[in-house]
Amino acid sequence: MGDLFSWLISFFLLIALLVLVTYQLMCLADLEFDYINPYDFSSRINMVVLPEFITQGVLCCFYLITGHWFMALVCAPYLCYNVRLILEVVCTLVWEWEDCLSLNLSL
């Protein structure tokens, strides 16, 4: 019975990821056909990027906790890629922050 619940939870997490990716693709199609401008596109995409990363991390950790090793190994490369993207953004922001502080500029 516990295995059934774990697969149901992973199913709903996967559906949530598919919904987020489909929304991003729809926004990309709207941008391609000039229904929205690039500023609106980036604000819409930025709203769903962090929930997508969190959902992917929760899903991968859930597979590890429940002992589904193969599924965890399948999810791990994408999770590593997401962590690398987040760290890259944070390092860029810290670098710009240090540059602003060294020039005595206010943000």
PDB file of N, CA and C in Angstrom:
ATOM      1  N   MET A   1       0.821  -1.200   0.000  1.00  0.00           N
ATOM      2  CA  MET A   1       0.000   0.000   0.000  1.00  0.00           C
ATOM      3  C   MET A   1       0.861   1.258   0.000  1.00  0.00           C
ATOM      4  N   GLY A   2       1.995   1.188   0.712  1.00  0.00           N
ATOM      5  CA  GLY A   2       2.886   2.337   0.749  1.00  0.00           C
ATOM      6  C   GLY A   2       3.503   2.630  -0.596  1.00  0.00           C
ATOM      7  N   ASP A   3       3.766   1.557  -1.362  1.00  0.00           N
ATOM      8  CA  ASP A   3       4.349   1.749  -2.684  1.00  0.00           C
ATOM      9  C   ASP A   3       3.360   2.436  -3.620  1.00  0.00           C
ATOM     10  N   LEU A   4       2.079   2.119  -3.452  1.00  0.00           N
ATOM     11  CA  LEU A   4       1.042   2.766  -4.262  1.00  0.00           C
ATOM     12  C   LEU A   4       1.011   4.268  -3.997  1.00  0.00           C
ATOM     13  N   PHE A   5       1.073   4.643  -2.719  1.00  0.00           N
ATOM     14  CA  PHE A   5       1.056   6.067  -2.384  1.00  0.00           C
ATOM     15  C   PHE A   5       2.304   6.779  -2.889  1.00  0.00           C
ATOM     16  N   SER A   6       3.444   6.114  -2.828  1.00  0.00           N
ATOM     17  CA  SER A   6       4.665   6.763  -3.310  1.00  0.00           C
ATOM     18  C   SER A   6       4.607   6.985  -4.817  1.00  0.00           C
ATOM     19  N   TRP A   7       4.046   6.025  -5.564  1.00  0.00           N
ATOM     20  CA  TRP A   7       3.931   6.227  -7.002  1.00  0.00           C
ATOM     21  C   TRP A   7       2.876   7.275  -7.338  1.00  0.00           C
ATOM     22  N   LEU A   8       1.817   7.360  -6.538  1.00  0.00           N
ATOM     23  CA  LEU A   8       0.824   8.404  -6.770  1.00  0.00           C
ATOM     24  C   LEU A   8       1.410   9.796  -6.519  1.00  0.00           C
ATOM     25  N   ILE A   9       2.182   9.915  -5.457  1.00  0.00           N
ATOM     26  CA  ILE A   9       2.823  11.203  -5.170  1.00  0.00           C
ATOM     27  C   ILE A   9       3.791  11.577  -6.277  1.00  0.00           C
ATOM     28  N   SER A  10       4.590  10.612  -6.731  1.00  0.00           N
ATOM     29  CA  SER A  10       5.530  10.920  -7.811  1.00  0.00           C
ATOM     30  C   SER A  10       4.789  11.229  -9.107  1.00  0.00           C
ATOM     31  N   PHE A  11       3.648  10.570  -9.334  1.00  0.00           N
ATOM     32  CA  PHE A  11       2.852  10.862 -10.523  1.00  0.00           C
ATOM     33  C   PHE A  11       2.363  12.308 -10.507  1.00  0.00           C
ATOM     34  N   PHE A  12       1.842  12.750  -9.361  1.00  0.00           N
ATOM     35  CA  PHE A  12       1.338  14.122  -9.290  1.00  0.00           C
ATOM     36  C   PHE A  12       2.468  15.153  -9.355  1.00  0.00           C
ATOM     37  N   LEU A  13       3.632  14.821  -8.826  1.00  0.00           N
ATOM     38  CA  LEU A  13       4.783  15.724  -8.969  1.00  0.00           C
ATOM     39  C   LEU A  13       5.223  15.809 -10.427  1.00  0.00           C
ATOM     40  N   LEU A  14       5.206  14.685 -11.128  1.00  0.00           N
ATOM     41  CA  LEU A  14       5.550  14.706 -12.554  1.00  0.00           C
ATOM     42  C   LEU A  14       4.524  15.486 -13.368  1.00  0.00           C
ATOM     43  N   ILE A  15       3.259  15.375 -13.020  1.00  0.00           N
ATOM     44  CA  ILE A  15       2.223  16.158 -13.708  1.00  0.00           C
ATOM     45  C   ILE A  15       2.453  17.647 -13.471  1.00  0.00           C
ATOM     46  N   ALA A  16       2.834  18.009 -12.248  1.00  0.00           N
ATOM     47  CA  ALA A  16       3.122  19.418 -11.948  1.00  0.00           C
ATOM     48  C   ALA A  16       4.295  19.909 -12.782  1.00  0.00           C
ATOM     49  N   LEU A  17       5.333  19.088 -12.928  1.00  0.00           N
ATOM     50  CA  LEU A  17       6.473  19.483 -13.764  1.00  0.00           C
ATOM     51  C   LEU A  17       6.059  19.633 -15.227  1.00  0.00           C
ATOM     52  N   LEU A  18       5.234  18.728 -15.708  1.00  0.00           N
ATOM     53  CA  LEU A  18       4.766  18.830 -17.095  1.00  0.00           C
ATOM     54  C   LEU A  18       3.928  20.085 -17.320  1.00  0.00           C
ATOM     55  N   VAL A  19       3.118  20.449 -16.354  1.00  0.00           N
ATOM     56  CA  VAL A  19       2.313  21.671 -16.470  1.00  0.00           C
ATOM     57  C   VAL A  19       3.219  22.893 -16.531  1.00  0.00           C
ATOM     58  N   LEU A  20       4.249  22.934 -15.688  1.00  0.00           N
ATOM     59  CA  LEU A  20       5.166  24.075 -15.687  1.00  0.00           C
ATOM     60  C   LEU A  20       5.935  24.178 -17.007  1.00  0.00           C
ATOM     61  N   VAL A  21       6.388  23.055 -17.526  1.00  0.00           N
ATOM     62  CA  VAL A  21       7.130  23.070 -18.795  1.00  0.00           C
ATOM     63  C   VAL A  21       6.200  23.439 -19.952  1.00  0.00           C
ATOM     64  N   THR A  22       4.960  22.948 -19.924  1.00  0.00           N
ATOM     65  CA  THR A  22       4.004  23.295 -20.975  1.00  0.00           C
ATOM     66  C   THR A  22       3.690  24.786 -20.952  1.00  0.00           C
ATOM     67  N   TYR A  23       3.567  25.350 -19.765  1.00  0.00           N
ATOM     68  CA  TYR A  23       3.332  26.790 -19.653  1.00  0.00           C
ATOM     69  C   TYR A  23       4.506  27.578 -20.248  1.00  0.00           C
ATOM     70  N   GLN A  24       5.722  27.127 -19.971  1.00  0.00           N
ATOM     71  CA  GLN A  24       6.890  27.805 -20.523  1.00  0.00           C
ATOM     72  C   GLN A  24       6.910  27.704 -22.047  1.00  0.00           C
ATOM     73  N   LEU A  25       6.545  26.552 -22.588  1.00  0.00           N
ATOM     74  CA  LEU A  25       6.503  26.395 -24.044  1.00  0.00           C
ATOM     75  C   LEU A  25       5.409  27.244 -24.675  1.00  0.00           C
ATOM     76  N   MET A  26       4.284  27.377 -24.004  1.00  0.00           N
ATOM     77  CA  MET A  26       3.216  28.241 -24.522  1.00  0.00           C
ATOM     78  C   MET A  26       3.656  29.697 -24.523  1.00  0.00           C
ATOM     79  N   CYS A  27       4.357  30.116 -23.485  1.00  0.00           N
ATOM     80  CA  CYS A  27       4.878  31.484 -23.450  1.00  0.00           C
ATOM     81  C   CYS A  27       5.902  31.700 -24.557  1.00  0.00           C
ATOM     82  N   LEU A  28       6.717  30.694 -24.800  1.00  0.00           N
ATOM     83  CA  LEU A  28       7.706  30.796 -25.876  1.00  0.00           C
ATOM     84  C   LEU A  28       7.034  30.900 -27.240  1.00  0.00           C
ATOM     85  N   ALA A  29       5.963  30.153 -27.441  1.00  0.00           N
ATOM     86  CA  ALA A  29       5.214  30.248 -28.698  1.00  0.00           C
ATOM     87  C   ALA A  29       4.562  31.621 -28.834  1.00  0.00           C
ATOM     88  N   ASP A  30       4.030  32.161 -27.740  1.00  0.00           N
ATOM     89  CA  ASP A  30       3.450  33.509 -27.782  1.00  0.00           C
ATOM     90  C   ASP A  30       4.500  34.548 -28.133  1.00  0.00           C
ATOM     91  N   LEU A  31       5.697  34.388 -27.599  1.00  0.00           N
ATOM     92  CA  LEU A  31       6.774  35.312 -27.928  1.00  0.00           C
ATOM     93  C   LEU A  31       7.171  35.189 -29.395  1.00  0.00           C
ATOM     94  N   GLU A  32       7.200  33.971 -29.895  1.00  0.00           N
ATOM     95  CA  GLU A  32       7.590  33.746 -31.286  1.00  0.00           C
ATOM     96  C   GLU A  32       6.606  34.387 -32.255  1.00  0.00           C
ATOM     97  N   PHE A  33       5.322  34.343 -31.928  1.00  0.00           N
ATOM     98  CA  PHE A  33       4.307  34.920 -32.806  1.00  0.00           C
ATOM     99  C   PHE A  33       3.958  36.360 -32.448  1.00  0.00           C
ATOM    100  N   ASP A  34       4.762  36.986 -31.612  1.00  0.00           N
ATOM    101  CA  ASP A  34       4.620  38.393 -31.226  1.00  0.00           C
ATOM    102  C   ASP A  34       3.298  38.713 -30.532  1.00  0.00           C
ATOM    103  N   TYR A  35       2.797  37.776 -29.743  1.00  0.00           N
ATOM    104  CA  TYR A  35       1.618  38.056 -28.931  1.00  0.00           C
ATOM    105  C   TYR A  35       1.995  38.757 -27.637  1.00  0.00           C
ATOM    106  N   ILE A  36       3.217  38.539 -27.170  1.00  0.00           N
ATOM    107  CA  ILE A  36       3.717  39.207 -25.967  1.00  0.00           C
ATOM    108  C   ILE A  36       5.094  39.762 -26.271  1.00  0.00           C
ATOM    109  N   ASN A  37       5.479  40.782 -25.529  1.00  0.00           N
ATOM    110  CA  ASN A  37       6.798  41.353 -25.727  1.00  0.00           C
ATOM    111  C   ASN A  37       7.817  40.614 -24.844  1.00  0.00           C
ATOM    112  N   PRO A  38       9.106  40.793 -25.118  1.00  0.00           N
ATOM    113  CA  PRO A  38      10.130  40.054 -24.365  1.00  0.00           C
ATOM    114  C   PRO A  38      10.112  40.338 -22.864  1.00  0.00           C
ATOM    115  N   TYR A  39       9.743  41.537 -22.455  1.00  0.00           N
ATOM    116  CA  TYR A  39       9.699  41.853 -21.030  1.00  0.00           C
ATOM    117  C   TYR A  39       8.625  41.025 -20.324  1.00  0.00           C
ATOM    118  N   ASP A  40       7.425  40.966 -20.917  1.00  0.00           N
ATOM    119  CA  ASP A  40       6.357  40.150 -20.338  1.00  0.00           C
ATOM    120  C   ASP A  40       6.725  38.668 -20.349  1.00  0.00           C
ATOM    121  N   PHE A  41       7.390  38.240 -21.426  1.00  0.00           N
ATOM    122  CA  PHE A  41       7.816  36.845 -21.511  1.00  0.00           C
ATOM    123  C   PHE A  41       8.763  36.482 -20.377  1.00  0.00           C
ATOM    124  N   SER A  42       9.750  37.332 -20.147  1.00  0.00           N
ATOM    125  CA  SER A  42      10.727  37.020 -19.098  1.00  0.00           C
ATOM    126  C   SER A  42      10.095  37.083 -17.712  1.00  0.00           C
ATOM    127  N   SER A  43       9.162  37.995 -17.497  1.00  0.00           N
ATOM    128  CA  SER A  43       8.511  38.045 -16.187  1.00  0.00           C
ATOM    129  C   SER A  43       7.628  36.824 -15.963  1.00  0.00           C
ATOM    130  N   ARG A  44       6.981  36.325 -17.010  1.00  0.00           N
ATOM    131  CA  ARG A  44       6.166  35.123 -16.868  1.00  0.00           C
ATOM    132  C   ARG A  44       7.022  33.885 -16.630  1.00  0.00           C
ATOM    133  N   ILE A  45       8.118  33.787 -17.358  1.00  0.00           N
ATOM    134  CA  ILE A  45       8.995  32.623 -17.203  1.00  0.00           C
ATOM    135  C   ILE A  45       9.680  32.649 -15.839  1.00  0.00           C
ATOM    136  N   ASN A  46      10.092  33.818 -15.386  1.00  0.00           N
ATOM    137  CA  ASN A  46      10.768  33.915 -14.093  1.00  0.00           C
ATOM    138  C   ASN A  46       9.860  33.502 -12.943  1.00  0.00           C
ATOM    139  N   MET A  47       8.541  33.642 -13.109  1.00  0.00           N
ATOM    140  CA  MET A  47       7.617  33.234 -12.051  1.00  0.00           C
ATOM    141  C   MET A  47       7.573  31.721 -11.876  1.00  0.00           C
ATOM    142  N   VAL A  48       7.843  30.955 -12.926  1.00  0.00           N
ATOM    143  CA  VAL A  48       7.705  29.501 -12.838  1.00  0.00           C
ATOM    144  C   VAL A  48       9.032  28.756 -12.773  1.00  0.00           C
ATOM    145  N   VAL A  49      10.144  29.447 -12.925  1.00  0.00           N
ATOM    146  CA  VAL A  49      11.428  28.755 -12.928  1.00  0.00           C
ATOM    147  C   VAL A  49      11.754  28.203 -11.547  1.00  0.00           C
ATOM    148  N   LEU A  50      11.635  28.994 -10.518  1.00  0.00           N
ATOM    149  CA  LEU A  50      11.965  28.522  -9.176  1.00  0.00           C
ATOM    150  C   LEU A  50      11.027  27.405  -8.704  1.00  0.00           C
ATOM    151  N   PRO A  51       9.697  27.504  -8.918  1.00  0.00           N
ATOM    152  CA  PRO A  51       8.852  26.354  -8.559  1.00  0.00           C
ATOM    153  C   PRO A  51       9.213  25.083  -9.327  1.00  0.00           C
ATOM    154  N   GLU A  52       9.643  25.237 -10.570  1.00  0.00           N
ATOM    155  CA  GLU A  52      10.062  24.062 -11.341  1.00  0.00           C
ATOM    156  C   GLU A  52      11.307  23.433 -10.720  1.00  0.00           C
ATOM    157  N   PHE A  53      12.281  24.250 -10.353  1.00  0.00           N
ATOM    158  CA  PHE A  53      13.500  23.732  -9.740  1.00  0.00           C
ATOM    159  C   PHE A  53      13.187  23.059  -8.400  1.00  0.00           C
ATOM    160  N   ILE A  54      12.325  23.665  -7.613  1.00  0.00           N
ATOM    161  CA  ILE A  54      11.975  23.098  -6.305  1.00  0.00           C
ATOM    162  C   ILE A  54      11.229  21.780  -6.472  1.00  0.00           C
ATOM    163  N   THR A  55      10.294  21.728  -7.411  1.00  0.00           N
ATOM    164  CA  THR A  55       9.544  20.500  -7.648  1.00  0.00           C
ATOM    165  C   THR A  55      10.461  19.381  -8.121  1.00  0.00           C
ATOM    166  N   GLN A  56      11.405  19.704  -8.986  1.00  0.00           N
ATOM    167  CA  GLN A  56      12.349  18.701  -9.456  1.00  0.00           C
ATOM    168  C   GLN A  56      13.218  18.189  -8.308  1.00  0.00           C
ATOM    169  N   GLY A  57      13.669  19.081  -7.439  1.00  0.00           N
ATOM    170  CA  GLY A  57      14.470  18.680  -6.291  1.00  0.00           C
ATOM    171  C   GLY A  57      13.685  17.814  -5.315  1.00  0.00           C
ATOM    172  N   VAL A  58      12.431  18.187  -5.072  1.00  0.00           N
ATOM    173  CA  VAL A  58      11.584  17.397  -4.177  1.00  0.00           C
ATOM    174  C   VAL A  58      11.345  16.012  -4.764  1.00  0.00           C
ATOM    175  N   LEU A  59      11.120  15.937  -6.060  1.00  0.00           N
ATOM    176  CA  LEU A  59      10.886  14.649  -6.707  1.00  0.00           C
ATOM    177  C   LEU A  59      12.113  13.753  -6.616  1.00  0.00           C
ATOM    178  N   CYS A  60      13.284  14.305  -6.868  1.00  0.00           N
ATOM    179  CA  CYS A  60      14.512  13.518  -6.799  1.00  0.00           C
ATOM    180  C   CYS A  60      14.776  13.046  -5.364  1.00  0.00           C
ATOM    181  N   CYS A  61      14.603  13.919  -4.392  1.00  0.00           N
ATOM    182  CA  CYS A  61      14.767  13.532  -2.980  1.00  0.00           C
ATOM    183  C   CYS A  61      13.722  12.501  -2.568  1.00  0.00           C
ATOM    184  N   PHE A  62      12.507  12.642  -3.088  1.00  0.00           N
ATOM    185  CA  PHE A  62      11.452  11.675  -2.785  1.00  0.00           C
ATOM    186  C   PHE A  62      11.814  10.290  -3.303  1.00  0.00           C
ATOM    187  N   TYR A  63      12.382  10.232  -4.515  1.00  0.00           N
ATOM    188  CA  TYR A  63      12.824   8.945  -5.048  1.00  0.00           C
ATOM    189  C   TYR A  63      13.936   8.346  -4.193  1.00  0.00           C
ATOM    190  N   LEU A  64      14.845   9.179  -3.722  1.00  0.00           N
ATOM    191  CA  LEU A  64      15.918   8.671  -2.860  1.00  0.00           C
ATOM    192  C   LEU A  64      15.380   8.151  -1.533  1.00  0.00           C
ATOM    193  N   ILE A  65      14.448   8.870  -0.943  1.00  0.00           N
ATOM    194  CA  ILE A  65      13.897   8.474   0.352  1.00  0.00           C
ATOM    195  C   ILE A  65      13.105   7.170   0.240  1.00  0.00           C
ATOM    196  N   THR A  66      12.345   7.018  -0.847  1.00  0.00           N
ATOM    197  CA  THR A  66      11.508   5.836  -0.988  1.00  0.00           C
ATOM    198  C   THR A  66      12.267   4.636  -1.551  1.00  0.00           C
ATOM    199  N   GLY A  67      13.524   4.824  -1.918  1.00  0.00           N
ATOM    200  CA  GLY A  67      14.335   3.694  -2.376  1.00  0.00           C
ATOM    201  C   GLY A  67      14.186   3.346  -3.838  1.00  0.00           C
ATOM    202  N   HIS A  68      13.684   4.250  -4.637  1.00  0.00           N
ATOM    203  CA  HIS A  68      13.589   4.036  -6.082  1.00  0.00           C
ATOM    204  C   HIS A  68      14.873   4.583  -6.723  1.00  0.00           C
ATOM    205  N   TRP A  69      15.910   3.767  -6.678  1.00  0.00           N
ATOM    206  CA  TRP A  69      17.253   4.220  -7.042  1.00  0.00           C
ATOM    207  C   TRP A  69      17.366   4.540  -8.530  1.00  0.00           C
ATOM    208  N   PHE A  70      16.746   3.732  -9.378  1.00  0.00           N
ATOM    209  CA  PHE A  70      16.852   3.983 -10.811  1.00  0.00           C
ATOM    210  C   PHE A  70      16.210   5.316 -11.180  1.00  0.00           C
ATOM    211  N   MET A  71      15.034   5.570 -10.640  1.00  0.00           N
ATOM    212  CA  MET A  71      14.357   6.839 -10.934  1.00  0.00           C
ATOM    213  C   MET A  71      15.150   8.023 -10.379  1.00  0.00           C
ATOM    214  N   ALA A  72      15.786   7.833  -9.231  1.00  0.00           N
ATOM    215  CA  ALA A  72      16.619   8.899  -8.668  1.00  0.00           C
ATOM    216  C   ALA A  72      17.818   9.158  -9.564  1.00  0.00           C
ATOM    217  N   LEU A  73      18.398   8.100 -10.119  1.00  0.00           N
ATOM    218  CA  LEU A  73      19.535   8.272 -11.038  1.00  0.00           C
ATOM    219  C   LEU A  73      19.106   8.946 -12.338  1.00  0.00           C
ATOM    220  N   VAL A  74      17.887   8.692 -12.759  1.00  0.00           N
ATOM    221  CA  VAL A  74      17.380   9.354 -13.970  1.00  0.00           C
ATOM    222  C   VAL A  74      17.167  10.839 -13.710  1.00  0.00           C
ATOM    223  N   CYS A  75      16.701  11.198 -12.518  1.00  0.00           N
ATOM    224  CA  CYS A  75      16.426  12.595 -12.166  1.00  0.00           C
ATOM    225  C   CYS A  75      17.689  13.372 -11.795  1.00  0.00           C
ATOM    226  N   ALA A  76      18.736  12.690 -11.385  1.00  0.00           N
ATOM    227  CA  ALA A  76      19.925  13.356 -10.847  1.00  0.00           C
ATOM    228  C   ALA A  76      20.619  14.297 -11.831  1.00  0.00           C
ATOM    229  N   PRO A  77      20.820  13.932 -13.113  1.00  0.00           N
ATOM    230  CA  PRO A  77      21.510  14.878 -14.008  1.00  0.00           C
ATOM    231  C   PRO A  77      20.766  16.203 -14.179  1.00  0.00           C
ATOM    232  N   TYR A  78      19.444  16.137 -14.298  1.00  0.00           N
ATOM    233  CA  TYR A  78      18.662  17.362 -14.448  1.00  0.00           C
ATOM    234  C   TYR A  78      18.708  18.193 -13.175  1.00  0.00           C
ATOM    235  N   LEU A  79      18.691  17.528 -12.033  1.00  0.00           N
ATOM    236  CA  LEU A  79      18.795  18.233 -10.765  1.00  0.00           C
ATOM    237  C   LEU A  79      20.159  18.912 -10.634  1.00  0.00           C
ATOM    238  N   CYS A  80      21.217  18.226 -11.032  1.00  0.00           N
ATOM    239  CA  CYS A  80      22.563  18.829 -10.997  1.00  0.00           C
ATOM    240  C   CYS A  80      22.647  20.034 -11.926  1.00  0.00           C
ATOM    241  N   TYR A  81      22.019  19.929 -13.097  1.00  0.00           N
ATOM    242  CA  TYR A  81      21.999  21.045 -14.027  1.00  0.00           C
ATOM    243  C   TYR A  81      21.271  22.247 -13.433  1.00  0.00           C
ATOM    244  N   ASN A  82      20.137  22.004 -12.757  1.00  0.00           N
ATOM    245  CA  ASN A  82      19.385  23.091 -12.128  1.00  0.00           C
ATOM    246  C   ASN A  82      20.193  23.737 -11.010  1.00  0.00           C
ATOM    247  N   VAL A  83      20.869  22.932 -10.199  1.00  0.00           N
ATOM    248  CA  VAL A  83      21.693  23.481  -9.119  1.00  0.00           C
ATOM    249  C   VAL A  83      22.825  24.317  -9.702  1.00  0.00           C
ATOM    250  N   ARG A  84      23.412  23.843 -10.792  1.00  0.00           N
ATOM    251  CA  ARG A  84      24.490  24.606 -11.433  1.00  0.00           C
ATOM    252  C   ARG A  84      23.980  25.952 -11.961  1.00  0.00           C
ATOM    253  N   LEU A  85      22.783  25.965 -12.536  1.00  0.00           N
ATOM    254  CA  LEU A  85      22.206  27.229 -13.015  1.00  0.00           C
ATOM    255  C   LEU A  85      21.970  28.205 -11.869  1.00  0.00           C
ATOM    256  N   ILE A  86      21.440  27.702 -10.768  1.00  0.00           N
ATOM    257  CA  ILE A  86      21.175  28.572  -9.619  1.00  0.00           C
ATOM    258  C   ILE A  86      22.480  29.131  -9.067  1.00  0.00           C
ATOM    259  N   LEU A  87      23.489  28.287  -8.928  1.00  0.00           N
ATOM    260  CA  LEU A  87      24.781  28.752  -8.414  1.00  0.00           C
ATOM    261  C   LEU A  87      25.430  29.761  -9.353  1.00  0.00           C
ATOM    262  N   GLU A  88      25.256  29.557 -10.649  1.00  0.00           N
ATOM    263  CA  GLU A  88      25.808  30.500 -11.625  1.00  0.00           C
ATOM    264  C   GLU A  88      25.160  31.874 -11.483  1.00  0.00           C
ATOM    265  N   VAL A  89      23.856  31.907 -11.297  1.00  0.00           N
ATOM    266  CA  VAL A  89      23.142  33.172 -11.122  1.00  0.00           C
ATOM    267  C   VAL A  89      23.563  33.840  -9.820  1.00  0.00           C
ATOM    268  N   VAL A  90      23.660  33.064  -8.749  1.00  0.00           N
ATOM    269  CA  VAL A  90      24.045  33.626  -7.459  1.00  0.00           C
ATOM    270  C   VAL A  90      25.458  34.184  -7.517  1.00  0.00           C
ATOM    271  N   CYS A  91      26.366  33.456  -8.149  1.00  0.00           N
ATOM    272  CA  CYS A  91      27.746  33.947  -8.266  1.00  0.00           C
ATOM    273  C   CYS A  91      27.817  35.221  -9.100  1.00  0.00           C
ATOM    274  N   THR A  92      27.000  35.296 -10.149  1.00  0.00           N
ATOM    275  CA  THR A  92      26.965  36.503 -10.968  1.00  0.00           C
ATOM    276  C   THR A  92      26.443  37.683 -10.156  1.00  0.00           C
ATOM    277  N   LEU A  93      25.397  37.452  -9.374  1.00  0.00           N
ATOM    278  CA  LEU A  93      24.845  38.531  -8.559  1.00  0.00           C
ATOM    279  C   LEU A  93      25.831  38.986  -7.490  1.00  0.00           C
ATOM    280  N   VAL A  94      26.541  38.034  -6.879  1.00  0.00           N
ATOM    281  CA  VAL A  94      27.543  38.395  -5.868  1.00  0.00           C
ATOM    282  C   VAL A  94      28.670  39.176  -6.516  1.00  0.00           C
ATOM    283  N   TRP A  95      29.094  38.768  -7.707  1.00  0.00           N
ATOM    284  CA  TRP A  95      30.163  39.470  -8.419  1.00  0.00           C
ATOM    285  C   TRP A  95      29.739  40.906  -8.713  1.00  0.00           C
ATOM    286  N   GLU A  96      28.516  41.112  -9.200  1.00  0.00           N
ATOM    287  CA  GLU A  96      28.037  42.466  -9.483  1.00  0.00           C
ATOM    288  C   GLU A  96      27.896  43.272  -8.200  1.00  0.00           C
ATOM    289  N   TRP A  97      27.470  42.641  -7.122  1.00  0.00           N
ATOM    290  CA  TRP A  97      27.323  43.316  -5.840  1.00  0.00           C
ATOM    291  C   TRP A  97      28.686  43.802  -5.347  1.00  0.00           C
ATOM    292  N   GLU A  98      29.708  42.954  -5.469  1.00  0.00           N
ATOM    293  CA  GLU A  98      31.046  43.346  -5.034  1.00  0.00           C
ATOM    294  C   GLU A  98      31.600  44.469  -5.899  1.00  0.00           C
ATOM    295  N   ASP A  99      31.298  44.415  -7.215  1.00  0.00           N
ATOM    296  CA  ASP A  99      31.735  45.506  -8.091  1.00  0.00           C
ATOM    297  C   ASP A  99      31.070  46.817  -7.714  1.00  0.00           C
ATOM    298  N   CYS A 100      29.805  46.782  -7.391  1.00  0.00           N
ATOM    299  CA  CYS A 100      29.096  47.997  -7.002  1.00  0.00           C
ATOM    300  C   CYS A 100      29.632  48.529  -5.684  1.00  0.00           C
ATOM    301  N   LEU A 101      29.917  47.642  -4.756  1.00  0.00           N
ATOM    302  CA  LEU A 101      30.451  48.106  -3.473  1.00  0.00           C
ATOM    303  C   LEU A 101      31.852  48.679  -3.621  1.00  0.00           C
ATOM    304  N   SER A 102      32.659  48.089  -4.504  1.00  0.00           N
ATOM    305  CA  SER A 102      34.016  48.596  -4.671  1.00  0.00           C
ATOM    306  C   SER A 102      34.019  49.955  -5.362  1.00  0.00           C
ATOM    307  N   LEU A 103      32.989  50.241  -6.151  1.00  0.00           N
ATOM    308  CA  LEU A 103      32.896  51.534  -6.828  1.00  0.00           C
ATOM    309  C   LEU A 103      32.087  52.538  -6.015  1.00  0.00           C
ATOM    310  N   ASN A 104      31.609  52.131  -4.841  1.00  0.00           N
ATOM    311  CA  ASN A 104      30.784  52.960  -3.974  1.00  0.00           C
ATOM    312  C   ASN A 104      29.512  53.432  -4.670  1.00  0.00           C
ATOM    313  N   LEU A 105      28.921  52.523  -5.428  1.00  0.00           N
ATOM    314  CA  LEU A 105      27.654  52.818  -6.072  1.00  0.00           C
ATOM    315  C   LEU A 105      26.537  52.197  -5.267  1.00  0.00           C
ATOM    316  N   SER A 106      25.433  52.862  -5.258  1.00  0.00           N
ATOM    317  CA  SER A 106      24.284  52.289  -4.552  1.00  0.00           C
ATOM    318  C   SER A 106      23.461  51.482  -5.531  1.00  0.00           C
ATOM    319  N   LEU A 107      22.854  50.421  -5.002  1.00  0.00           N
ATOM    320  CA  LEU A 107      21.982  49.610  -5.854  1.00  0.00           C
ATOM    321  C   LEU A 107      20.623  50.199  -5.777  1.00  0.00           C
TER     322      LEU A 107
END
